[in-house]
Amino acid sequence: MNPYAKLTFLMSLMLGTTITASSNHWLSAWAGLEINTLAIIPLISKSHHPRAIEAAIKYFLVQAAASTLLLFSSMINAWHTGQWDITQLNHPTSSLLLTTAIAMKLGLVPFHFWFP
């Protein structure tokens, strides 16, 4: 991999983490998580081995499902509370879906089987 491309992906990874950690709005937190996903996929699949490509595809599919759950959770919460603020997570269904989405993104049990 080109060193400039690798540096760009690593900087994007740090940018996405910073955006996610410092966000107060659900959509900006989601955008930071998506930047992280899109930055790490080329780093996972940089060796063109079939197992690396398989790991990247599994990572992408699980992360896309978790991002969908995160957006769905934030929309349910915004629908019931009227706010998109992260600190106003009061609805139980939204809390459960958010916990499931974060567990999928982190690879926690029982969602750890995708972990490359």
Protein backbone atom coordinates (compact mmCIF):
# COMPACT_ATOMS: atom_id res chain seq x y z
CA MET A 1 0.00 0.00 0.00
CA ASN A 2 1.17 3.47 -0.85
CA PRO A 3 2.51 5.24 2.28
CA TYR A 4 0.46 8.34 1.49
CA ALA A 5 -2.72 6.28 1.21
CA LYS A 6 -1.93 4.51 4.48
CA LEU A 7 -1.34 7.87 6.17
CA THR A 8 -4.62 9.17 4.77
CA PHE A 9 -6.53 6.16 6.10
CA LEU A 10 -4.90 6.45 9.52
CA MET A 11 -5.65 10.17 9.69
CA SER A 12 -9.26 9.46 8.66
CA LEU A 13 -9.46 6.88 11.42
CA MET A 14 -8.31 9.45 13.98
CA LEU A 15 -10.68 12.08 12.55
CA GLY A 16 -13.66 9.73 12.75
CA THR A 17 -12.84 8.80 16.33
CA THR A 18 -12.51 12.45 17.29
CA ILE A 19 -15.80 13.37 15.63
CA THR A 20 -17.62 10.49 17.33
CA ALA A 21 -16.19 11.21 20.77
CA SER A 22 -16.90 14.94 20.64
CA SER A 23 -20.37 14.89 19.11
CA ASN A 24 -23.55 16.03 20.83
CA HIS A 25 -25.85 15.09 17.96
CA TRP A 26 -26.77 11.57 16.83
CA LEU A 27 -26.08 12.25 13.16
CA SER A 28 -22.58 13.58 13.79
CA ALA A 29 -21.81 10.54 15.97
CA TRP A 30 -23.06 8.30 13.16
CA ALA A 31 -20.97 10.20 10.60
CA GLY A 32 -17.84 9.71 12.72
CA LEU A 33 -18.54 5.99 13.01
CA GLU A 34 -19.01 5.74 9.25
CA ILE A 35 -15.72 7.56 8.63
CA ASN A 36 -14.07 4.98 10.88
CA THR A 37 -15.69 2.11 8.99
CA LEU A 38 -14.67 3.46 5.60
CA ALA A 39 -11.12 4.17 6.77
CA ILE A 40 -10.42 0.77 8.30
CA ILE A 41 -11.75 -1.44 5.49
CA PRO A 42 -8.78 -0.73 3.16
CA LEU A 43 -6.40 -1.27 6.07
CA ILE A 44 -7.96 -4.68 6.78
CA SER A 45 -7.82 -5.78 3.16
CA LYS A 46 -4.41 -4.35 2.22
CA SER A 47 -2.94 -7.83 1.86
CA HIS A 48 -4.79 -9.34 -1.08
CA HIS A 49 -5.28 -12.67 0.60
CA PRO A 50 -8.76 -14.23 0.38
CA ARG A 51 -9.05 -14.39 4.18
CA ALA A 52 -8.30 -10.67 4.47
CA ILE A 53 -10.94 -9.86 1.86
CA GLU A 54 -13.42 -12.12 3.69
CA ALA A 55 -12.67 -10.36 6.97
CA ALA A 56 -13.18 -6.96 5.34
CA ILE A 57 -16.53 -8.02 3.87
CA LYS A 58 -17.70 -9.43 7.21
CA TYR A 59 -16.57 -6.25 8.96
CA PHE A 60 -18.41 -4.07 6.45
CA LEU A 61 -21.67 -6.01 6.60
CA VAL A 62 -21.82 -6.11 10.40
CA GLN A 63 -20.84 -2.45 10.70
CA ALA A 64 -23.50 -1.46 8.15
CA ALA A 65 -26.15 -3.38 10.12
CA ALA A 66 -24.99 -1.79 13.37
CA SER A 67 -25.06 1.68 11.79
CA THR A 68 -28.60 1.04 10.61
CA LEU A 69 -29.62 0.05 14.13
CA LEU A 70 -27.93 3.16 15.52
CA LEU A 71 -29.80 5.44 13.12
CA PHE A 72 -33.07 3.63 13.80
CA SER A 73 -32.52 3.97 17.54
CA SER A 74 -31.81 7.69 17.24
CA MET A 75 -34.90 8.20 15.06
CA ILE A 76 -37.11 6.40 17.60
CA ASN A 77 -35.64 8.51 20.37
CA ALA A 78 -36.12 11.73 18.38
CA TRP A 79 -39.68 10.73 17.59
CA HIS A 80 -40.56 10.19 21.26
CA THR A 81 -38.54 12.99 22.85
CA GLY A 82 -38.44 15.54 20.04
CA GLN A 83 -34.67 15.97 20.33
CA TRP A 84 -31.63 14.55 18.53
CA ASP A 85 -29.35 15.24 21.49
CA ILE A 86 -27.26 12.29 22.68
CA THR A 87 -27.87 13.06 26.34
CA GLN A 88 -31.66 12.75 25.97
CA LEU A 89 -31.87 8.96 25.52
CA ASN A 90 -35.02 8.24 27.53
CA HIS A 91 -37.06 5.76 25.50
CA PRO A 92 -36.47 2.09 26.50
CA THR A 93 -36.71 0.70 22.95
CA SER A 94 -34.23 3.27 21.75
CA SER A 95 -31.87 2.44 24.60
CA LEU A 96 -32.06 -1.28 23.83
CA LEU A 97 -31.42 -0.77 20.12
CA LEU A 98 -28.53 1.60 20.82
CA THR A 99 -26.96 -0.89 23.23
CA THR A 100 -27.31 -3.64 20.62
CA ALA A 101 -25.77 -1.43 17.91
CA ILE A 102 -22.80 -0.49 20.07
CA ALA A 103 -22.31 -4.13 21.10
CA MET A 104 -22.26 -5.08 17.41
CA LYS A 105 -19.79 -2.34 16.58
CA LEU A 106 -17.48 -3.33 19.43
CA GLY A 107 -17.78 -7.05 18.81
CA LEU A 108 -19.07 -7.81 22.30
CA VAL A 109 -20.64 -11.13 23.21
CA PRO A 110 -22.91 -12.45 21.62
CA PHE A 111 -22.00 -10.36 18.56
CA HIS A 112 -18.31 -11.32 18.57
CA PHE A 113 -18.38 -13.98 15.84
CA TRP A 114 -17.79 -11.46 13.05
CA PHE A 115 -14.62 -10.09 14.67
CA PRO A 116 -11.77 -10.60 12.13
